[in-house]
Amino acid sequence: MSDQKNSLTVLIRNETQKLTANLVNTCGTTMVAIGVLTPTINAILTDPRTLSPLAVLGFSSFGVILHLWARTFLADLEEAP
């Protein structure tokens, strides 16, 4: 019984880690969409001078950082007994 409970605990913990990684990665994707795609499309359709390269760099960097952070959650997965 203890082995089965241990296995179930590991599976639940792994699933929680995967869901957390998914949430953080989705936040990173959202940062890129909001901070890079939206202003770029707006600059193309209206005035190119409205595009702030520093803001685009900041948002894309933050998106990459969130993605890398999400990968650390997946690196911590355990093998089920």
PDB file of N, CA and C in Angstrom:
ATOM      1  N   MET A   1       0.825  -1.199   0.000  1.00  0.00           N
ATOM      2  CA  MET A   1       0.000   0.000   0.000  1.00  0.00           C
ATOM      3  C   MET A   1       0.866   1.259   0.000  1.00  0.00           C
ATOM      4  N   SER A   2       1.973   1.210   0.748  1.00  0.00           N
ATOM      5  CA  SER A   2       2.855   2.365   0.855  1.00  0.00           C
ATOM      6  C   SER A   2       3.486   2.709  -0.495  1.00  0.00           C
ATOM      7  N   ASP A   3       3.859   1.664  -1.276  1.00  0.00           N
ATOM      8  CA  ASP A   3       4.434   1.891  -2.599  1.00  0.00           C
ATOM      9  C   ASP A   3       3.438   2.565  -3.529  1.00  0.00           C
ATOM     10  N   GLN A   4       2.194   2.123  -3.446  1.00  0.00           N
ATOM     11  CA  GLN A   4       1.146   2.697  -4.287  1.00  0.00           C
ATOM     12  C   GLN A   4       0.906   4.151  -3.890  1.00  0.00           C
ATOM     13  N   LYS A   5       0.901   4.433  -2.608  1.00  0.00           N
ATOM     14  CA  LYS A   5       0.689   5.807  -2.132  1.00  0.00           C
ATOM     15  C   LYS A   5       1.857   6.694  -2.549  1.00  0.00           C
ATOM     16  N   ASN A   6       3.081   6.170  -2.451  1.00  0.00           N
ATOM     17  CA  ASN A   6       4.270   6.901  -2.883  1.00  0.00           C
ATOM     18  C   ASN A   6       4.209   7.230  -4.361  1.00  0.00           C
ATOM     19  N   SER A   7       3.827   6.238  -5.158  1.00  0.00           N
ATOM     20  CA  SER A   7       3.720   6.417  -6.601  1.00  0.00           C
ATOM     21  C   SER A   7       2.684   7.475  -6.947  1.00  0.00           C
ATOM     22  N   LEU A   8       1.558   7.420  -6.270  1.00  0.00           N
ATOM     23  CA  LEU A   8       0.496   8.392  -6.505  1.00  0.00           C
ATOM     24  C   LEU A   8       0.943   9.796  -6.106  1.00  0.00           C
ATOM     25  N   THR A   9       1.656   9.907  -5.007  1.00  0.00           N
ATOM     26  CA  THR A   9       2.161  11.204  -4.554  1.00  0.00           C
ATOM     27  C   THR A   9       3.121  11.804  -5.580  1.00  0.00           C
ATOM     28  N   VAL A  10       4.006  10.969  -6.120  1.00  0.00           N
ATOM     29  CA  VAL A  10       4.961  11.444  -7.130  1.00  0.00           C
ATOM     30  C   VAL A  10       4.226  11.876  -8.390  1.00  0.00           C
ATOM     31  N   LEU A  11       3.239  11.106  -8.825  1.00  0.00           N
ATOM     32  CA  LEU A  11       2.478  11.463 -10.023  1.00  0.00           C
ATOM     33  C   LEU A  11       1.724  12.781  -9.844  1.00  0.00           C
ATOM     34  N   ILE A  12       1.133  12.970  -8.670  1.00  0.00           N
ATOM     35  CA  ILE A  12       0.408  14.214  -8.394  1.00  0.00           C
ATOM     36  C   ILE A  12       1.373  15.389  -8.375  1.00  0.00           C
ATOM     37  N   ARG A  13       2.526  15.203  -7.723  1.00  0.00           N
ATOM     38  CA  ARG A  13       3.521  16.268  -7.664  1.00  0.00           C
ATOM     39  C   ARG A  13       4.026  16.617  -9.064  1.00  0.00           C
ATOM     40  N   ASN A  14       4.298  15.604  -9.892  1.00  0.00           N
ATOM     41  CA  ASN A  14       4.754  15.847 -11.266  1.00  0.00           C
ATOM     42  C   ASN A  14       3.712  16.613 -12.064  1.00  0.00           C
ATOM     43  N   GLU A  15       2.471  16.229 -11.911  1.00  0.00           N
ATOM     44  CA  GLU A  15       1.402  16.909 -12.655  1.00  0.00           C
ATOM     45  C   GLU A  15       1.280  18.358 -12.207  1.00  0.00           C
ATOM     46  N   THR A  16       1.419  18.602 -10.918  1.00  0.00           N
ATOM     47  CA  THR A  16       1.384  19.973 -10.398  1.00  0.00           C
ATOM     48  C   THR A  16       2.546  20.789 -10.972  1.00  0.00           C
ATOM     49  N   GLN A  17       3.726  20.175 -11.039  1.00  0.00           N
ATOM     50  CA  GLN A  17       4.892  20.857 -11.606  1.00  0.00           C
ATOM     51  C   GLN A  17       4.652  21.202 -13.077  1.00  0.00           C
ATOM     52  N   LYS A  18       4.065  20.265 -13.824  1.00  0.00           N
ATOM     53  CA  LYS A  18       3.798  20.504 -15.246  1.00  0.00           C
ATOM     54  C   LYS A  18       2.780  21.619 -15.444  1.00  0.00           C
ATOM     55  N   LEU A  19       1.747  21.638 -14.602  1.00  0.00           N
ATOM     56  CA  LEU A  19       0.745  22.699 -14.709  1.00  0.00           C
ATOM     57  C   LEU A  19       1.333  24.063 -14.359  1.00  0.00           C
ATOM     58  N   THR A  20       2.203  24.102 -13.358  1.00  0.00           N
ATOM     59  CA  THR A  20       2.853  25.356 -12.994  1.00  0.00           C
ATOM     60  C   THR A  20       3.765  25.828 -14.123  1.00  0.00           C
ATOM     61  N   ALA A  21       4.511  24.915 -14.712  1.00  0.00           N
ATOM     62  CA  ALA A  21       5.377  25.264 -15.847  1.00  0.00           C
ATOM     63  C   ALA A  21       4.548  25.798 -17.009  1.00  0.00           C
ATOM     64  N   ASN A  22       3.410  25.188 -17.252  1.00  0.00           N
ATOM     65  CA  ASN A  22       2.531  25.636 -18.325  1.00  0.00           C
ATOM     66  C   ASN A  22       2.016  27.052 -18.056  1.00  0.00           C
ATOM     67  N   LEU A  23       1.642  27.333 -16.826  1.00  0.00           N
ATOM     68  CA  LEU A  23       1.155  28.658 -16.458  1.00  0.00           C
ATOM     69  C   LEU A  23       2.241  29.716 -16.669  1.00  0.00           C
ATOM     70  N   VAL A  24       3.447  29.443 -16.177  1.00  0.00           N
ATOM     71  CA  VAL A  24       4.539  30.410 -16.305  1.00  0.00           C
ATOM     72  C   VAL A  24       4.906  30.610 -17.769  1.00  0.00           C
ATOM     73  N   ASN A  25       4.940  29.536 -18.550  1.00  0.00           N
ATOM     74  CA  ASN A  25       5.251  29.643 -19.974  1.00  0.00           C
ATOM     75  C   ASN A  25       4.182  30.444 -20.720  1.00  0.00           C
ATOM     76  N   THR A  26       2.928  30.252 -20.359  1.00  0.00           N
ATOM     77  CA  THR A  26       1.850  31.009 -20.980  1.00  0.00           C
ATOM     78  C   THR A  26       1.973  32.496 -20.657  1.00  0.00           C
ATOM     79  N   CYS A  27       2.383  32.814 -19.438  1.00  0.00           N
ATOM     80  CA  CYS A  27       2.625  34.220 -19.078  1.00  0.00           C
ATOM     81  C   CYS A  27       3.746  34.804 -19.936  1.00  0.00           C
ATOM     82  N   GLY A  28       4.788  34.021 -20.186  1.00  0.00           N
ATOM     83  CA  GLY A  28       5.879  34.477 -21.045  1.00  0.00           C
ATOM     84  C   GLY A  28       5.409  34.723 -22.470  1.00  0.00           C
ATOM     85  N   THR A  29       4.595  33.820 -22.982  1.00  0.00           N
ATOM     86  CA  THR A  29       4.044  33.992 -24.322  1.00  0.00           C
ATOM     87  C   THR A  29       3.167  35.234 -24.394  1.00  0.00           C
ATOM     88  N   THR A  30       2.393  35.476 -23.351  1.00  0.00           N
ATOM     89  CA  THR A  30       1.542  36.657 -23.293  1.00  0.00           C
ATOM     90  C   THR A  30       2.378  37.937 -23.283  1.00  0.00           C
ATOM     91  N   MET A  31       3.483  37.926 -22.555  1.00  0.00           N
ATOM     92  CA  MET A  31       4.371  39.096 -22.526  1.00  0.00           C
ATOM     93  C   MET A  31       4.884  39.425 -23.921  1.00  0.00           C
ATOM     94  N   VAL A  32       5.258  38.405 -24.666  1.00  0.00           N
ATOM     95  CA  VAL A  32       5.745  38.624 -26.027  1.00  0.00           C
ATOM     96  C   VAL A  32       4.614  39.153 -26.915  1.00  0.00           C
ATOM     97  N   ALA A  33       3.427  38.575 -26.770  1.00  0.00           N
ATOM     98  CA  ALA A  33       2.294  39.020 -27.594  1.00  0.00           C
ATOM     99  C   ALA A  33       1.912  40.460 -27.294  1.00  0.00           C
ATOM    100  N   ILE A  34       1.860  40.803 -26.018  1.00  0.00           N
ATOM    101  CA  ILE A  34       1.458  42.159 -25.634  1.00  0.00           C
ATOM    102  C   ILE A  34       2.552  43.176 -25.922  1.00  0.00           C
ATOM    103  N   GLY A  35       3.777  42.826 -25.594  1.00  0.00           N
ATOM    104  CA  GLY A  35       4.846  43.808 -25.666  1.00  0.00           C
ATOM    105  C   GLY A  35       5.621  43.855 -26.959  1.00  0.00           C
ATOM    106  N   VAL A  36       5.481  42.835 -27.802  1.00  0.00           N
ATOM    107  CA  VAL A  36       6.244  42.813 -29.048  1.00  0.00           C
ATOM    108  C   VAL A  36       5.314  42.835 -30.259  1.00  0.00           C
ATOM    109  N   LEU A  37       4.414  41.869 -30.339  1.00  0.00           N
ATOM    110  CA  LEU A  37       3.558  41.776 -31.521  1.00  0.00           C
ATOM    111  C   LEU A  37       2.598  42.951 -31.659  1.00  0.00           C
ATOM    112  N   THR A  38       1.930  43.308 -30.576  1.00  0.00           N
ATOM    113  CA  THR A  38       0.940  44.379 -30.644  1.00  0.00           C
ATOM    114  C   THR A  38       1.565  45.716 -31.064  1.00  0.00           C
ATOM    115  N   PRO A  39       2.638  46.177 -30.407  1.00  0.00           N
ATOM    116  CA  PRO A  39       3.231  47.448 -30.840  1.00  0.00           C
ATOM    117  C   PRO A  39       3.821  47.393 -32.251  1.00  0.00           C
ATOM    118  N   THR A  40       4.370  46.241 -32.631  1.00  0.00           N
ATOM    119  CA  THR A  40       4.946  46.114 -33.970  1.00  0.00           C
ATOM    120  C   THR A  40       3.859  46.216 -35.030  1.00  0.00           C
ATOM    121  N   ILE A  41       2.763  45.515 -34.832  1.00  0.00           N
ATOM    122  CA  ILE A  41       1.650  45.595 -35.786  1.00  0.00           C
ATOM    123  C   ILE A  41       1.078  47.011 -35.813  1.00  0.00           C
ATOM    124  N   ASN A  42       0.959  47.630 -34.653  1.00  0.00           N
ATOM    125  CA  ASN A  42       0.459  49.000 -34.585  1.00  0.00           C
ATOM    126  C   ASN A  42       1.389  49.947 -35.346  1.00  0.00           C
ATOM    127  N   ALA A  43       2.692  49.774 -35.200  1.00  0.00           N
ATOM    128  CA  ALA A  43       3.650  50.639 -35.897  1.00  0.00           C
ATOM    129  C   ALA A  43       3.583  50.436 -37.404  1.00  0.00           C
ATOM    130  N   ILE A  44       3.369  49.201 -37.821  1.00  0.00           N
ATOM    131  CA  ILE A  44       3.261  48.923 -39.261  1.00  0.00           C
ATOM    132  C   ILE A  44       2.004  49.563 -39.837  1.00  0.00           C
ATOM    133  N   LEU A  45       0.903  49.467 -39.105  1.00  0.00           N
ATOM    134  CA  LEU A  45      -0.369  49.976 -39.616  1.00  0.00           C
ATOM    135  C   LEU A  45      -0.536  51.481 -39.454  1.00  0.00           C
ATOM    136  N   THR A  46       0.140  52.070 -38.493  1.00  0.00           N
ATOM    137  CA  THR A  46      -0.027  53.516 -38.260  1.00  0.00           C
ATOM    138  C   THR A  46       1.298  54.237 -38.497  1.00  0.00           C
ATOM    139  N   ASP A  47       1.983  54.591 -37.441  1.00  0.00           N
ATOM    140  CA  ASP A  47       3.202  55.387 -37.542  1.00  0.00           C
ATOM    141  C   ASP A  47       4.384  54.590 -36.985  1.00  0.00           C
ATOM    142  N   PRO A  48       5.385  54.299 -37.810  1.00  0.00           N
ATOM    143  CA  PRO A  48       6.537  53.516 -37.345  1.00  0.00           C
ATOM    144  C   PRO A  48       7.295  54.180 -36.180  1.00  0.00           C
ATOM    145  N   ARG A  49       7.147  55.474 -36.012  1.00  0.00           N
ATOM    146  CA  ARG A  49       7.842  56.163 -34.919  1.00  0.00           C
ATOM    147  C   ARG A  49       7.252  55.825 -33.551  1.00  0.00           C
ATOM    148  N   THR A  50       6.085  55.188 -33.528  1.00  0.00           N
ATOM    149  CA  THR A  50       5.468  54.841 -32.249  1.00  0.00           C
ATOM    150  C   THR A  50       6.098  53.597 -31.616  1.00  0.00           C
ATOM    151  N   LEU A  51       6.903  52.876 -32.391  1.00  0.00           N
ATOM    152  CA  LEU A  51       7.519  51.650 -31.886  1.00  0.00           C
ATOM    153  C   LEU A  51       8.715  51.989 -31.002  1.00  0.00           C
ATOM    154  N   SER A  52       8.688  51.492 -29.783  1.00  0.00           N
ATOM    155  CA  SER A  52       9.791  51.713 -28.844  1.00  0.00           C
ATOM    156  C   SER A  52      10.661  50.461 -28.787  1.00  0.00           C
ATOM    157  N   PRO A  53      11.852  50.524 -29.368  1.00  0.00           N
ATOM    158  CA  PRO A  53      12.724  49.344 -29.360  1.00  0.00           C
ATOM    159  C   PRO A  53      13.080  48.876 -27.947  1.00  0.00           C
ATOM    160  N   LEU A  54      13.227  49.810 -27.032  1.00  0.00           N
ATOM    161  CA  LEU A  54      13.565  49.440 -25.667  1.00  0.00           C
ATOM    162  C   LEU A  54      12.425  48.651 -25.004  1.00  0.00           C
ATOM    163  N   ALA A  55      11.192  49.084 -25.245  1.00  0.00           N
ATOM    164  CA  ALA A  55      10.039  48.360 -24.687  1.00  0.00           C
ATOM    165  C   ALA A  55       9.919  46.971 -25.307  1.00  0.00           C
ATOM    166  N   VAL A  56      10.119  46.891 -26.606  1.00  0.00           N
ATOM    167  CA  VAL A  56      10.056  45.594 -27.291  1.00  0.00           C
ATOM    168  C   VAL A  56      11.137  44.665 -26.744  1.00  0.00           C
ATOM    169  N   LEU A  57      12.341  45.188 -26.565  1.00  0.00           N
ATOM    170  CA  LEU A  57      13.426  44.388 -26.012  1.00  0.00           C
ATOM    171  C   LEU A  57      13.111  43.946 -24.584  1.00  0.00           C
ATOM    172  N   GLY A  58      12.560  44.842 -23.788  1.00  0.00           N
ATOM    173  CA  GLY A  58      12.213  44.518 -22.408  1.00  0.00           C
ATOM    174  C   GLY A  58      11.153  43.434 -22.313  1.00  0.00           C
ATOM    175  N   PHE A  59      10.082  43.585 -23.083  1.00  0.00           N
ATOM    176  CA  PHE A  59       9.007  42.596 -23.052  1.00  0.00           C
ATOM    177  C   PHE A  59       9.473  41.244 -23.595  1.00  0.00           C
ATOM    178  N   SER A  60      10.246  41.260 -24.668  1.00  0.00           N
ATOM    179  CA  SER A  60      10.708  39.976 -25.214  1.00  0.00           C
ATOM    180  C   SER A  60      11.694  39.308 -24.264  1.00  0.00           C
ATOM    181  N   SER A  61      12.544  40.086 -23.619  1.00  0.00           N
ATOM    182  CA  SER A  61      13.477  39.518 -22.631  1.00  0.00           C
ATOM    183  C   SER A  61      12.720  38.909 -21.457  1.00  0.00           C
ATOM    184  N   PHE A  62      11.705  39.625 -20.983  1.00  0.00           N
ATOM    185  CA  PHE A  62      10.907  39.114 -19.873  1.00  0.00           C
ATOM    186  C   PHE A  62      10.187  37.827 -20.274  1.00  0.00           C
ATOM    187  N   GLY A  63       9.696  37.768 -21.501  1.00  0.00           N
ATOM    188  CA  GLY A  63       9.050  36.548 -21.995  1.00  0.00           C
ATOM    189  C   GLY A  63      10.006  35.371 -22.031  1.00  0.00           C
ATOM    190  N   VAL A  64      11.232  35.609 -22.472  1.00  0.00           N
ATOM    191  CA  VAL A  64      12.241  34.547 -22.520  1.00  0.00           C
ATOM    192  C   VAL A  64      12.609  34.102 -21.110  1.00  0.00           C
ATOM    193  N   ILE A  65      12.752  35.054 -20.198  1.00  0.00           N
ATOM    194  CA  ILE A  65      13.074  34.715 -18.804  1.00  0.00           C
ATOM    195  C   ILE A  65      11.971  33.845 -18.201  1.00  0.00           C
ATOM    196  N   LEU A  66      10.714  34.193 -18.449  1.00  0.00           N
ATOM    197  CA  LEU A  66       9.606  33.383 -17.932  1.00  0.00           C
ATOM    198  C   LEU A  66       9.626  31.978 -18.530  1.00  0.00           C
ATOM    199  N   HIS A  67       9.935  31.885 -19.819  1.00  0.00           N
ATOM    200  CA  HIS A  67       9.994  30.573 -20.456  1.00  0.00           C
ATOM    201  C   HIS A  67      11.099  29.716 -19.825  1.00  0.00           C
ATOM    202  N   LEU A  68      12.259  30.314 -19.617  1.00  0.00           N
ATOM    203  CA  LEU A  68      13.362  29.570 -19.006  1.00  0.00           C
ATOM    204  C   LEU A  68      13.034  29.167 -17.575  1.00  0.00           C
ATOM    205  N   TRP A  69      12.328  30.041 -16.865  1.00  0.00           N
ATOM    206  CA  TRP A  69      11.909  29.708 -15.507  1.00  0.00           C
ATOM    207  C   TRP A  69      10.944  28.519 -15.531  1.00  0.00           C
ATOM    208  N   ALA A  70      10.043  28.504 -16.507  1.00  0.00           N
ATOM    209  CA  ALA A  70       9.091  27.391 -16.622  1.00  0.00           C
ATOM    210  C   ALA A  70       9.827  26.074 -16.853  1.00  0.00           C
ATOM    211  N   ARG A  71      10.917  26.116 -17.601  1.00  0.00           N
ATOM    212  CA  ARG A  71      11.686  24.896 -17.854  1.00  0.00           C
ATOM    213  C   ARG A  71      12.312  24.337 -16.582  1.00  0.00           C
ATOM    214  N   THR A  72      12.605  25.205 -15.606  1.00  0.00           N
ATOM    215  CA  THR A  72      13.189  24.711 -14.356  1.00  0.00           C
ATOM    216  C   THR A  72      12.190  23.856 -13.580  1.00  0.00           C
ATOM    217  N   PHE A  73      10.902  24.155 -13.731  1.00  0.00           N
ATOM    218  CA  PHE A  73       9.881  23.326 -13.080  1.00  0.00           C
ATOM    219  C   PHE A  73       9.890  21.918 -13.664  1.00  0.00           C
ATOM    220  N   LEU A  74      10.092  21.816 -14.970  1.00  0.00           N
ATOM    221  CA  LEU A  74      10.100  20.506 -15.624  1.00  0.00           C
ATOM    222  C   LEU A  74      11.367  19.728 -15.304  1.00  0.00           C
ATOM    223  N   ALA A  75      12.449  20.421 -15.026  1.00  0.00           N
ATOM    224  CA  ALA A  75      13.698  19.748 -14.683  1.00  0.00           C
ATOM    225  C   ALA A  75      13.618  19.069 -13.326  1.00  0.00           C
ATOM    226  N   ASP A  76      12.623  19.471 -12.538  1.00  0.00           N
ATOM    227  CA  ASP A  76      12.484  18.948 -11.179  1.00  0.00           C
ATOM    228  C   ASP A  76      11.503  17.759 -11.084  1.00  0.00           C
ATOM    229  N   LEU A  77      11.075  17.233 -12.233  1.00  0.00           N
ATOM    230  CA  LEU A  77      10.150  16.103 -12.212  1.00  0.00           C
ATOM    231  C   LEU A  77      10.838  14.851 -11.676  1.00  0.00           C
ATOM    232  N   GLU A  78      10.072  14.026 -10.986  1.00  0.00           N
ATOM    233  CA  GLU A  78      10.605  12.786 -10.412  1.00  0.00           C
ATOM    234  C   GLU A  78      10.118  11.584 -11.213  1.00  0.00           C
ATOM    235  N   GLU A  79      10.871  10.512 -11.138  1.00  0.00           N
ATOM    236  CA  GLU A  79      10.439   9.266 -11.754  1.00  0.00           C
ATOM    237  C   GLU A  79       9.544   8.519 -10.773  1.00  0.00           C
ATOM    238  N   ALA A  80       8.421   8.051 -11.262  1.00  0.00           N
ATOM    239  CA  ALA A  80       7.494   7.312 -10.387  1.00  0.00           C
ATOM    240  C   ALA A  80       8.083   5.941 -10.061  1.00  0.00           C
ATOM    241  N   PRO A  81       7.938   5.526  -8.800  1.00  0.00           N
ATOM    242  CA  PRO A  81       8.476   4.207  -8.415  1.00  0.00           C
ATOM    243  C   PRO A  81       7.722   3.060  -9.052  1.00  0.00           C
TER     244      PRO A  81
END
